[in-house]
N, C-alpha and C. Protein backbone atom coordinates (compact mmCIF):
# COMPACT_ATOMS: atom_id res chain seq x y z
N UNK A 1 300.19 90.45 6.72
CA UNK A 1 300.70 89.41 7.61
C UNK A 1 301.96 89.86 8.38
N UNK A 2 302.16 89.33 9.55
CA UNK A 2 303.26 89.68 10.35
C UNK A 2 304.12 88.47 10.69
N UNK A 3 305.38 88.69 11.02
CA UNK A 3 306.28 87.63 11.45
C UNK A 3 307.27 88.16 12.46
N UNK A 4 307.96 87.29 13.08
CA UNK A 4 309.04 87.67 14.03
C UNK A 4 310.27 88.08 13.28
N UNK A 5 310.88 89.19 13.63
CA UNK A 5 312.04 89.68 12.88
C UNK A 5 313.20 88.66 12.89
N UNK A 6 313.56 88.11 11.75
CA UNK A 6 314.63 87.12 11.70
C UNK A 6 315.97 87.64 12.12
N UNK A 7 316.23 88.94 11.89
CA UNK A 7 317.51 89.55 12.32
C UNK A 7 317.65 89.52 13.83
N UNK A 8 316.52 89.76 14.53
CA UNK A 8 316.54 89.69 15.98
C UNK A 8 316.89 88.31 16.48
N UNK A 9 316.27 87.30 15.86
CA UNK A 9 316.51 85.91 16.22
C UNK A 9 317.96 85.53 15.95
N UNK A 10 318.53 85.97 14.80
CA UNK A 10 319.88 85.64 14.47
C UNK A 10 320.86 86.18 15.55
N UNK A 11 320.61 87.44 15.96
CA UNK A 11 321.47 88.04 16.97
C UNK A 11 321.32 87.32 18.33
N UNK A 12 320.04 86.99 18.65
CA UNK A 12 319.81 86.30 19.90
C UNK A 12 320.47 84.94 19.95
N UNK A 13 320.42 84.22 18.77
CA UNK A 13 321.02 82.91 18.70
C UNK A 13 322.54 82.96 18.94
N UNK A 14 323.15 84.02 18.37
CA UNK A 14 324.61 84.20 18.57
C UNK A 14 324.93 84.45 20.04
N UNK A 15 324.08 85.27 20.73
CA UNK A 15 324.31 85.55 22.14
C UNK A 15 324.06 84.32 22.99
N UNK A 16 323.11 83.46 22.57
CA UNK A 16 322.77 82.30 23.36
C UNK A 16 323.37 81.04 22.76
N UNK A 17 324.61 81.14 22.27
CA UNK A 17 325.24 80.00 21.60
C UNK A 17 325.47 78.83 22.57
N UNK A 18 325.39 79.12 23.90
CA UNK A 18 325.53 78.01 24.87
C UNK A 18 324.27 77.26 25.07
N UNK A 19 323.20 77.55 24.29
CA UNK A 19 321.94 76.87 24.34
C UNK A 19 321.15 77.23 25.60
N UNK A 20 321.37 78.41 26.15
CA UNK A 20 320.59 78.87 27.27
C UNK A 20 319.17 79.15 26.77
N UNK A 21 318.18 78.75 27.56
CA UNK A 21 316.78 78.94 27.15
C UNK A 21 316.48 80.40 27.00
N UNK A 22 315.67 80.81 25.96
CA UNK A 22 315.32 82.22 25.82
C UNK A 22 314.39 82.67 26.93
N UNK A 23 314.28 83.99 27.08
CA UNK A 23 313.31 84.53 28.04
C UNK A 23 311.96 84.61 27.42
N UNK A 24 310.89 84.43 28.21
CA UNK A 24 309.52 84.46 27.65
C UNK A 24 309.20 85.88 27.13
N UNK A 25 308.43 85.95 26.06
CA UNK A 25 307.97 87.23 25.58
C UNK A 25 306.82 87.79 26.40
N UNK A 26 305.99 86.87 26.96
CA UNK A 26 304.86 87.30 27.71
C UNK A 26 304.45 86.15 28.63
N UNK A 27 303.49 86.45 29.57
CA UNK A 27 303.03 85.42 30.53
C UNK A 27 301.63 85.70 30.97
N UNK A 28 301.06 84.74 31.68
CA UNK A 28 299.71 84.88 32.30
C UNK A 28 299.64 83.96 33.48
N UNK A 29 298.90 84.40 34.51
CA UNK A 29 298.71 83.53 35.69
C UNK A 29 297.24 83.37 35.96
N UNK A 30 296.89 82.12 36.37
CA UNK A 30 295.51 81.79 36.72
C UNK A 30 295.51 80.76 37.84
N UNK A 31 294.95 81.09 39.02
CA UNK A 31 294.82 80.17 40.14
C UNK A 31 296.12 79.49 40.47
N UNK A 32 297.20 80.25 40.43
CA UNK A 32 298.49 79.72 40.81
C UNK A 32 299.34 79.11 39.69
N UNK A 33 298.67 78.79 38.57
CA UNK A 33 299.41 78.29 37.41
C UNK A 33 300.02 79.44 36.65
N UNK A 34 301.28 79.23 36.18
CA UNK A 34 301.92 80.23 35.33
C UNK A 34 302.05 79.72 33.93
N UNK A 35 301.80 80.61 32.98
CA UNK A 35 301.86 80.29 31.56
C UNK A 35 302.84 81.27 30.92
N UNK A 36 303.95 80.71 30.43
CA UNK A 36 305.05 81.48 29.83
C UNK A 36 305.00 81.35 28.34
N UNK A 37 304.90 82.44 27.60
CA UNK A 37 304.80 82.39 26.17
C UNK A 37 306.10 82.74 25.44
N UNK A 38 306.54 81.93 24.52
CA UNK A 38 307.77 82.16 23.76
C UNK A 38 307.44 82.26 22.29
N UNK A 39 307.73 83.36 21.65
CA UNK A 39 307.50 83.55 20.26
C UNK A 39 308.71 83.06 19.47
N UNK A 40 308.49 82.18 18.50
CA UNK A 40 309.63 81.45 17.86
C UNK A 40 309.38 81.41 16.34
N UNK A 41 310.46 81.54 15.56
CA UNK A 41 310.39 81.32 14.13
C UNK A 41 310.22 79.81 13.87
N UNK A 42 309.54 79.47 12.77
CA UNK A 42 309.30 78.07 12.45
C UNK A 42 310.60 77.29 12.33
N UNK A 43 311.58 77.84 11.68
CA UNK A 43 312.85 77.12 11.46
C UNK A 43 313.62 76.90 12.76
N UNK A 44 313.26 77.66 13.78
CA UNK A 44 313.93 77.45 15.08
C UNK A 44 313.07 76.68 16.08
N UNK A 45 311.87 76.27 15.59
CA UNK A 45 310.88 75.72 16.51
C UNK A 45 311.33 74.50 17.27
N UNK A 46 311.81 73.49 16.56
CA UNK A 46 312.18 72.22 17.21
C UNK A 46 313.33 72.39 18.18
N UNK A 47 314.33 73.18 17.82
CA UNK A 47 315.48 73.38 18.69
C UNK A 47 315.09 74.16 19.94
N UNK A 48 314.26 75.18 19.81
CA UNK A 48 313.80 75.94 20.95
C UNK A 48 312.95 75.12 21.88
N UNK A 49 312.03 74.34 21.29
CA UNK A 49 311.20 73.47 22.12
C UNK A 49 312.02 72.51 22.91
N UNK A 50 313.04 71.92 22.25
CA UNK A 50 313.91 70.97 22.99
C UNK A 50 314.68 71.64 24.11
N UNK A 51 315.13 72.87 23.86
CA UNK A 51 315.83 73.63 24.88
C UNK A 51 314.91 73.96 26.07
N UNK A 52 313.68 74.35 25.74
CA UNK A 52 312.74 74.68 26.83
C UNK A 52 312.40 73.45 27.69
N UNK A 53 312.20 72.35 27.04
CA UNK A 53 311.95 71.11 27.79
C UNK A 53 313.12 70.75 28.70
N UNK A 54 314.33 71.03 28.25
CA UNK A 54 315.52 70.67 29.02
C UNK A 54 315.76 71.62 30.19
N UNK A 55 315.24 72.85 30.08
CA UNK A 55 315.57 73.84 31.10
C UNK A 55 314.39 74.12 32.05
N UNK A 56 313.15 73.91 31.58
CA UNK A 56 311.97 74.07 32.46
C UNK A 56 311.53 72.71 32.94
N UNK A 57 312.33 72.10 33.81
CA UNK A 57 312.13 70.73 34.21
C UNK A 57 310.89 70.54 35.08
N UNK A 58 310.46 71.58 35.73
CA UNK A 58 309.30 71.42 36.61
C UNK A 58 307.98 71.84 35.93
N UNK A 59 308.07 72.24 34.68
CA UNK A 59 306.85 72.59 33.91
C UNK A 59 306.12 71.31 33.57
N UNK A 60 304.80 71.40 33.48
CA UNK A 60 303.97 70.19 33.20
C UNK A 60 303.50 70.08 31.76
N UNK A 61 303.43 71.20 31.02
CA UNK A 61 302.94 71.15 29.64
C UNK A 61 303.73 72.16 28.79
N UNK A 62 303.93 71.75 27.54
CA UNK A 62 304.58 72.60 26.55
C UNK A 62 303.66 72.67 25.36
N UNK A 63 302.66 73.55 25.43
CA UNK A 63 301.64 73.66 24.40
C UNK A 63 302.17 74.59 23.32
N UNK A 64 301.82 74.28 22.04
CA UNK A 64 302.36 75.16 20.98
C UNK A 64 301.41 75.19 19.77
N UNK A 65 301.69 76.16 18.93
CA UNK A 65 301.07 76.24 17.60
C UNK A 65 301.95 77.09 16.75
N UNK A 66 301.92 76.81 15.42
CA UNK A 66 302.64 77.68 14.47
C UNK A 66 301.96 77.65 13.12
N UNK A 67 302.31 78.68 12.33
CA UNK A 67 301.73 78.81 10.96
C UNK A 67 302.94 79.04 10.02
N UNK A 68 303.01 78.22 8.95
CA UNK A 68 304.14 78.29 8.03
C UNK A 68 303.62 78.42 6.60
N UNK A 69 304.17 79.38 5.84
CA UNK A 69 303.82 79.56 4.48
C UNK A 69 304.67 78.60 3.60
N UNK A 70 303.99 77.70 2.86
CA UNK A 70 304.67 76.75 2.02
C UNK A 70 304.97 77.32 0.63
N UNK A 71 305.92 76.73 -0.09
CA UNK A 71 306.28 77.22 -1.40
C UNK A 71 305.13 77.30 -2.39
N UNK A 72 304.12 76.45 -2.21
CA UNK A 72 302.92 76.46 -3.11
C UNK A 72 301.90 77.51 -2.75
N UNK A 73 302.20 78.33 -1.71
CA UNK A 73 301.34 79.40 -1.29
C UNK A 73 300.34 79.02 -0.21
N UNK A 74 300.25 77.74 0.12
CA UNK A 74 299.33 77.29 1.16
C UNK A 74 299.98 77.53 2.56
N UNK A 75 299.12 77.67 3.57
CA UNK A 75 299.61 77.88 4.90
C UNK A 75 299.47 76.58 5.70
N UNK A 76 300.57 76.04 6.21
CA UNK A 76 300.57 74.87 7.06
C UNK A 76 300.39 75.30 8.51
N UNK A 77 299.41 74.71 9.21
CA UNK A 77 299.17 75.00 10.60
C UNK A 77 299.37 73.72 11.44
N UNK A 78 300.04 73.88 12.54
CA UNK A 78 300.23 72.78 13.50
C UNK A 78 300.01 73.29 14.89
N UNK A 79 299.41 72.38 15.77
CA UNK A 79 299.23 72.75 17.18
C UNK A 79 299.29 71.50 17.99
N UNK A 80 299.59 71.63 19.28
CA UNK A 80 299.68 70.49 20.19
C UNK A 80 299.17 70.94 21.57
N UNK A 81 298.30 70.07 22.17
CA UNK A 81 297.82 70.28 23.52
C UNK A 81 298.79 69.75 24.55
N UNK A 82 299.75 68.86 24.14
CA UNK A 82 300.74 68.30 25.03
C UNK A 82 300.18 67.79 26.36
N UNK A 83 299.11 67.03 26.27
CA UNK A 83 298.56 66.44 27.49
C UNK A 83 297.44 67.17 28.14
N UNK A 84 297.20 68.42 27.74
CA UNK A 84 296.07 69.16 28.23
C UNK A 84 294.79 68.62 27.56
N UNK A 85 293.59 68.85 28.13
CA UNK A 85 292.37 68.33 27.53
C UNK A 85 292.27 68.72 26.05
N UNK A 86 291.88 67.76 25.21
CA UNK A 86 291.82 67.97 23.77
C UNK A 86 290.99 69.22 23.42
N UNK A 87 291.56 70.03 22.54
CA UNK A 87 290.85 71.24 22.04
C UNK A 87 290.87 72.42 23.03
N UNK A 88 291.60 72.29 24.13
CA UNK A 88 291.55 73.37 25.09
C UNK A 88 292.73 74.36 24.99
N UNK A 89 293.80 73.92 24.35
CA UNK A 89 295.09 74.67 24.51
C UNK A 89 295.76 75.00 23.22
N UNK A 90 296.17 73.98 22.46
CA UNK A 90 296.87 74.25 21.20
C UNK A 90 296.04 75.09 20.23
N UNK A 91 294.76 74.75 20.11
CA UNK A 91 293.94 75.55 19.21
C UNK A 91 293.75 76.95 19.70
N UNK A 92 293.79 77.19 20.97
CA UNK A 92 293.68 78.52 21.52
C UNK A 92 294.88 79.38 21.12
N UNK A 93 296.06 78.77 21.16
CA UNK A 93 297.27 79.49 20.71
C UNK A 93 297.17 79.73 19.20
N UNK A 94 296.74 78.75 18.44
CA UNK A 94 296.62 78.89 16.99
C UNK A 94 295.61 79.95 16.59
N UNK A 95 294.51 80.05 17.29
CA UNK A 95 293.49 81.02 16.95
C UNK A 95 294.02 82.45 17.12
N UNK A 96 294.84 82.66 18.13
CA UNK A 96 295.45 83.98 18.32
C UNK A 96 296.40 84.29 17.19
N UNK A 97 297.20 83.31 16.77
CA UNK A 97 298.13 83.51 15.65
C UNK A 97 297.36 83.80 14.36
N UNK A 98 296.23 83.15 14.19
CA UNK A 98 295.41 83.45 13.01
C UNK A 98 294.85 84.86 13.06
N UNK A 99 294.35 85.23 14.23
CA UNK A 99 293.81 86.60 14.39
C UNK A 99 294.81 87.68 14.11
N UNK A 100 296.03 87.45 14.50
CA UNK A 100 297.06 88.43 14.26
C UNK A 100 297.72 88.30 12.87
N UNK A 101 297.30 87.28 12.13
CA UNK A 101 297.89 86.99 10.77
C UNK A 101 299.39 86.78 10.88
N UNK A 102 299.81 85.99 11.86
CA UNK A 102 301.20 85.67 12.00
C UNK A 102 301.57 84.56 11.04
N UNK A 103 302.82 84.61 10.50
CA UNK A 103 303.22 83.62 9.53
C UNK A 103 304.67 83.26 9.74
N UNK A 104 305.01 82.02 9.44
CA UNK A 104 306.40 81.52 9.58
C UNK A 104 306.93 81.60 11.01
N UNK A 105 306.01 81.61 11.95
CA UNK A 105 306.45 81.63 13.37
C UNK A 105 305.27 81.04 14.18
N UNK A 106 305.54 80.85 15.49
CA UNK A 106 304.52 80.33 16.36
C UNK A 106 304.87 80.70 17.81
N UNK A 107 304.07 80.17 18.69
CA UNK A 107 304.24 80.40 20.14
C UNK A 107 304.23 79.09 20.88
N UNK A 108 305.18 78.95 21.79
CA UNK A 108 305.22 77.86 22.73
C UNK A 108 304.87 78.36 24.08
N UNK A 109 303.87 77.77 24.71
CA UNK A 109 303.42 78.22 26.05
C UNK A 109 303.82 77.12 27.04
N UNK A 110 304.70 77.49 27.98
CA UNK A 110 305.15 76.56 29.03
C UNK A 110 304.30 76.77 30.30
N UNK A 111 303.68 75.70 30.75
CA UNK A 111 302.82 75.81 31.93
C UNK A 111 303.42 75.23 33.20
N UNK A 112 303.43 75.98 34.24
CA UNK A 112 303.74 75.49 35.58
C UNK A 112 302.43 75.39 36.35
N UNK A 113 302.12 74.17 36.82
CA UNK A 113 300.85 73.90 37.49
C UNK A 113 300.81 74.48 38.88
N UNK A 114 299.67 75.13 39.18
CA UNK A 114 299.56 75.80 40.48
C UNK A 114 298.76 75.01 41.50
N UNK A 115 298.30 73.80 41.13
CA UNK A 115 297.60 73.00 42.12
C UNK A 115 296.07 72.99 41.99
N UNK A 116 295.54 73.85 41.13
CA UNK A 116 294.10 73.96 40.95
C UNK A 116 293.76 73.72 39.48
N UNK A 117 292.82 72.81 39.23
CA UNK A 117 292.36 72.56 37.83
C UNK A 117 291.57 73.75 37.35
N UNK A 118 291.78 74.12 36.09
CA UNK A 118 291.15 75.37 35.57
C UNK A 118 289.89 75.04 34.73
N UNK A 119 289.71 73.77 34.28
CA UNK A 119 288.60 73.47 33.47
C UNK A 119 288.88 73.90 32.05
N UNK A 120 288.03 73.45 31.10
CA UNK A 120 288.25 73.74 29.69
C UNK A 120 288.23 75.28 29.45
N UNK A 121 287.22 75.94 29.97
CA UNK A 121 287.11 77.38 29.78
C UNK A 121 288.30 78.14 30.37
N UNK A 122 288.75 77.72 31.51
CA UNK A 122 289.89 78.36 32.13
C UNK A 122 291.14 78.18 31.32
N UNK A 123 291.31 76.97 30.75
CA UNK A 123 292.51 76.69 29.97
C UNK A 123 292.49 77.52 28.67
N UNK A 124 291.33 77.62 28.08
CA UNK A 124 291.19 78.42 26.82
C UNK A 124 291.61 79.88 27.14
N UNK A 125 291.09 80.43 28.21
CA UNK A 125 291.42 81.83 28.54
C UNK A 125 292.92 81.98 28.87
N UNK A 126 293.46 81.03 29.60
CA UNK A 126 294.90 81.14 30.00
C UNK A 126 295.81 81.07 28.79
N UNK A 127 295.63 80.08 27.96
CA UNK A 127 296.50 79.96 26.77
C UNK A 127 296.28 81.06 25.75
N UNK A 128 295.05 81.51 25.65
CA UNK A 128 294.76 82.67 24.77
C UNK A 128 295.51 83.90 25.26
N UNK A 129 295.37 84.15 26.53
CA UNK A 129 295.99 85.43 27.10
C UNK A 129 297.48 85.32 27.13
N UNK A 130 298.07 84.14 27.38
CA UNK A 130 299.54 84.04 27.37
C UNK A 130 300.07 84.29 25.97
N UNK A 131 299.36 83.79 24.98
CA UNK A 131 299.79 84.04 23.56
C UNK A 131 299.60 85.49 23.19
N UNK A 132 298.46 86.08 23.53
CA UNK A 132 298.23 87.47 23.23
C UNK A 132 299.27 88.36 23.87
N UNK A 133 299.55 88.11 25.15
CA UNK A 133 300.53 88.92 25.88
C UNK A 133 301.94 88.81 25.27
N UNK A 134 302.25 87.61 24.76
CA UNK A 134 303.54 87.42 24.09
C UNK A 134 303.64 88.26 22.81
N UNK A 135 302.56 88.30 22.01
CA UNK A 135 302.57 89.05 20.77
C UNK A 135 302.52 90.55 21.01
N UNK A 136 301.76 90.96 22.04
CA UNK A 136 301.71 92.41 22.38
C UNK A 136 303.08 92.87 22.82
N UNK A 137 303.74 92.07 23.67
CA UNK A 137 305.09 92.44 24.18
C UNK A 137 306.09 92.49 23.02
N UNK A 138 306.02 91.52 22.09
CA UNK A 138 306.91 91.53 20.94
C UNK A 138 306.67 92.76 20.07
N UNK A 139 305.43 93.10 19.88
CA UNK A 139 305.07 94.25 19.08
C UNK A 139 305.62 95.54 19.75
N UNK A 140 305.43 95.65 21.05
CA UNK A 140 305.94 96.81 21.78
C UNK A 140 307.44 96.94 21.72
N UNK A 141 308.11 95.79 21.63
CA UNK A 141 309.57 95.77 21.55
C UNK A 141 310.07 95.82 20.14
N UNK A 142 309.16 96.07 19.18
CA UNK A 142 309.52 96.23 17.76
C UNK A 142 310.13 94.95 17.16
N UNK A 143 309.66 93.82 17.64
CA UNK A 143 310.20 92.56 17.17
C UNK A 143 309.38 91.96 16.03
N UNK A 144 308.19 92.57 15.80
CA UNK A 144 307.32 92.07 14.72
C UNK A 144 307.52 92.93 13.47
N UNK A 145 307.56 92.33 12.30
CA UNK A 145 307.72 93.07 11.04
C UNK A 145 306.66 92.53 10.07
N UNK A 146 306.43 93.32 9.02
CA UNK A 146 305.59 92.87 7.92
C UNK A 146 306.25 91.68 7.19
N UNK A 147 305.51 90.66 7.01
CA UNK A 147 306.03 89.44 6.36
C UNK A 147 306.41 89.71 4.89
N UNK A 148 307.60 89.27 4.51
CA UNK A 148 308.05 89.32 3.11
C UNK A 148 308.60 87.91 2.77
N UNK A 149 308.26 87.34 1.63
CA UNK A 149 308.76 86.06 1.23
C UNK A 149 310.29 86.05 1.27
N UNK A 150 310.83 84.99 1.80
CA UNK A 150 312.28 84.92 1.97
C UNK A 150 312.93 84.06 0.82
N UNK A 151 314.05 84.52 0.36
CA UNK A 151 314.85 83.76 -0.61
C UNK A 151 316.29 83.60 -0.11
N UNK A 152 317.01 82.67 -0.75
CA UNK A 152 318.36 82.36 -0.37
C UNK A 152 319.37 82.91 -1.38
N UNK A 153 320.55 83.22 -0.93
CA UNK A 153 321.63 83.73 -1.76
C UNK A 153 322.95 83.33 -1.13
N UNK A 154 323.97 83.04 -1.98
CA UNK A 154 325.31 82.73 -1.51
C UNK A 154 326.25 83.83 -1.93
N UNK A 155 327.03 84.35 -1.01
CA UNK A 155 327.99 85.40 -1.23
C UNK A 155 329.44 84.89 -0.93
N UNK A 156 330.36 85.20 -1.84
CA UNK A 156 331.79 84.87 -1.56
C UNK A 156 332.53 86.12 -1.10
N UNK A 157 333.17 86.01 0.00
CA UNK A 157 333.88 87.18 0.57
C UNK A 157 335.30 86.82 0.98
N UNK A 158 336.15 87.81 0.85
CA UNK A 158 337.54 87.61 1.39
C UNK A 158 337.45 87.84 2.88
N UNK A 159 338.45 87.40 3.59
CA UNK A 159 338.45 87.58 5.06
C UNK A 159 338.55 89.08 5.38
N UNK A 160 339.24 89.84 4.58
CA UNK A 160 339.41 91.25 4.83
C UNK A 160 338.09 92.00 4.71
N UNK A 161 337.19 91.52 3.89
CA UNK A 161 335.94 92.24 3.60
C UNK A 161 334.75 91.66 4.38
N UNK A 162 335.01 90.65 5.21
CA UNK A 162 333.91 89.97 5.89
C UNK A 162 333.15 90.90 6.87
N UNK A 163 333.90 91.76 7.59
CA UNK A 163 333.25 92.67 8.50
C UNK A 163 332.37 93.67 7.74
N UNK A 164 332.81 94.13 6.61
CA UNK A 164 332.01 95.08 5.81
C UNK A 164 330.75 94.39 5.28
N UNK A 165 330.89 93.11 4.92
CA UNK A 165 329.72 92.37 4.49
C UNK A 165 328.73 92.19 5.61
N UNK A 166 329.16 91.83 6.80
CA UNK A 166 328.27 91.70 7.95
C UNK A 166 327.57 92.99 8.23
N UNK A 167 328.25 94.10 8.15
CA UNK A 167 327.63 95.42 8.41
C UNK A 167 326.54 95.69 7.39
N UNK A 168 326.79 95.40 6.13
CA UNK A 168 325.82 95.66 5.05
C UNK A 168 324.61 94.74 5.24
N UNK A 169 324.80 93.52 5.62
CA UNK A 169 323.70 92.59 5.83
C UNK A 169 322.81 93.06 6.97
N UNK A 170 323.46 93.61 8.01
CA UNK A 170 322.67 94.10 9.17
C UNK A 170 321.84 95.28 8.79
N UNK A 171 322.41 96.17 7.99
CA UNK A 171 321.66 97.35 7.55
C UNK A 171 320.41 96.97 6.75
N UNK A 172 320.56 95.91 5.93
CA UNK A 172 319.46 95.50 5.02
C UNK A 172 318.55 94.47 5.70
N UNK A 173 318.78 94.20 6.95
CA UNK A 173 317.95 93.22 7.69
C UNK A 173 317.94 91.85 7.00
N UNK A 174 319.14 91.43 6.52
CA UNK A 174 319.33 90.10 5.95
C UNK A 174 320.10 89.24 6.95
N UNK A 175 319.63 88.01 7.09
CA UNK A 175 320.22 87.15 8.10
C UNK A 175 321.21 86.15 7.48
N UNK A 176 322.14 85.72 8.29
CA UNK A 176 323.12 84.72 7.85
C UNK A 176 322.69 83.40 8.31
N UNK A 177 322.48 82.47 7.37
CA UNK A 177 322.13 81.08 7.74
C UNK A 177 323.34 80.26 8.07
N UNK A 178 324.44 80.48 7.34
CA UNK A 178 325.64 79.65 7.52
C UNK A 178 326.82 80.30 6.88
N UNK A 179 328.01 80.10 7.52
CA UNK A 179 329.26 80.60 6.95
C UNK A 179 330.25 79.42 6.81
N UNK A 180 330.90 79.35 5.67
CA UNK A 180 331.91 78.34 5.43
C UNK A 180 333.27 79.01 5.32
N UNK A 181 334.18 78.73 6.22
CA UNK A 181 335.50 79.37 6.24
C UNK A 181 336.50 78.47 5.50
N UNK A 182 336.90 78.93 4.33
CA UNK A 182 337.83 78.15 3.49
C UNK A 182 339.22 78.76 3.60
N UNK A 183 340.10 78.28 2.77
CA UNK A 183 341.50 78.74 2.84
C UNK A 183 341.68 80.21 2.55
N UNK A 184 341.05 80.70 1.45
CA UNK A 184 341.30 82.08 1.08
C UNK A 184 340.00 82.89 0.98
N UNK A 185 338.85 82.33 1.37
CA UNK A 185 337.62 83.11 1.32
C UNK A 185 336.59 82.48 2.31
N UNK A 186 335.50 83.23 2.48
CA UNK A 186 334.39 82.79 3.28
C UNK A 186 333.15 82.72 2.40
N UNK A 187 332.47 81.60 2.42
CA UNK A 187 331.22 81.49 1.66
C UNK A 187 330.11 81.72 2.65
N UNK A 188 329.29 82.76 2.39
CA UNK A 188 328.20 83.16 3.31
C UNK A 188 326.86 82.86 2.70
N UNK A 189 326.08 82.06 3.34
CA UNK A 189 324.71 81.72 2.88
C UNK A 189 323.74 82.63 3.63
N UNK A 190 322.98 83.41 2.89
CA UNK A 190 322.12 84.44 3.52
C UNK A 190 320.68 84.21 3.09
N UNK A 191 319.78 84.86 3.88
CA UNK A 191 318.35 84.75 3.63
C UNK A 191 317.70 86.11 3.81
N UNK A 192 316.80 86.49 2.91
CA UNK A 192 316.13 87.79 3.04
C UNK A 192 315.08 88.01 1.94
N UNK A 193 314.43 89.14 1.99
CA UNK A 193 313.49 89.52 0.97
C UNK A 193 314.22 89.73 -0.37
N UNK A 194 313.52 89.44 -1.45
CA UNK A 194 314.13 89.48 -2.78
C UNK A 194 314.71 90.81 -3.16
N UNK A 195 314.01 91.89 -2.82
CA UNK A 195 314.55 93.20 -3.19
C UNK A 195 315.80 93.57 -2.39
N UNK A 196 315.88 93.05 -1.16
CA UNK A 196 317.09 93.31 -0.35
C UNK A 196 318.25 92.46 -0.82
N UNK A 197 317.97 91.26 -1.25
CA UNK A 197 319.07 90.38 -1.76
C UNK A 197 319.61 90.97 -3.06
N UNK A 198 318.77 91.58 -3.85
CA UNK A 198 319.23 92.22 -5.07
C UNK A 198 320.20 93.32 -4.81
N UNK A 199 320.02 94.05 -3.73
CA UNK A 199 320.94 95.15 -3.36
C UNK A 199 322.30 94.66 -3.03
N UNK A 200 322.38 93.44 -2.45
CA UNK A 200 323.68 92.90 -2.00
C UNK A 200 324.36 92.07 -3.09
N UNK A 201 323.54 91.51 -4.01
CA UNK A 201 324.09 90.56 -5.01
C UNK A 201 324.98 91.27 -6.01
N UNK A 202 324.78 92.59 -6.23
CA UNK A 202 325.61 93.31 -7.18
C UNK A 202 326.90 93.85 -6.61
N UNK A 203 327.14 93.63 -5.32
CA UNK A 203 328.35 94.12 -4.70
C UNK A 203 329.39 93.04 -4.65
N UNK A 204 330.65 93.45 -4.61
CA UNK A 204 331.79 92.53 -4.61
C UNK A 204 332.52 92.57 -3.27
N UNK A 205 332.73 91.42 -2.66
CA UNK A 205 333.38 91.35 -1.38
C UNK A 205 334.61 90.42 -1.42
N UNK A 206 334.95 90.03 -2.63
CA UNK A 206 336.07 89.06 -2.77
C UNK A 206 337.40 89.76 -2.48
N UNK A 207 337.50 91.05 -2.61
CA UNK A 207 338.76 91.76 -2.33
C UNK A 207 339.44 92.27 -3.60
């Protein structure tokens, strides 16, 4: 199984702290309509969808699908046609995610209407290709990694050692979910694969 690299998303989120919409990973055009594909982690899905709707004001549809691994081992799948003919769009995105064995992430396809109706077959091809192109581009940019179950860990760090902690987390591809800045220390909530968290849990950053 594959997923979108959480470390990349963490860095991108910091750069786009002003809530600027992300750039599409891939696109497809058919009879004047443009289909922009955005690859998104499940935990970022709602916020990214909201941002896309607020910034792509002339787009007519925001079709999406995602696959999430639940704690019980089952895979939760969701998709939306967002006003396109039923069964033409969201399921097309989902089928590509299934074929690539993507997990804990999904794709939002933003459509700009070109004035010509595509029909069911045309919509299936367009949304399928927009999703495929997004995944291929992400793979070429080394943004896809082998999926590893994620766990949480809390680290206590002194202010003096916070930079060293950040550097170590980056090396291990561990992401920071939240930081709490207290009077004499920083509490850092992190997420990553179990074996990588074990490497960091034995280290001391309190000073």
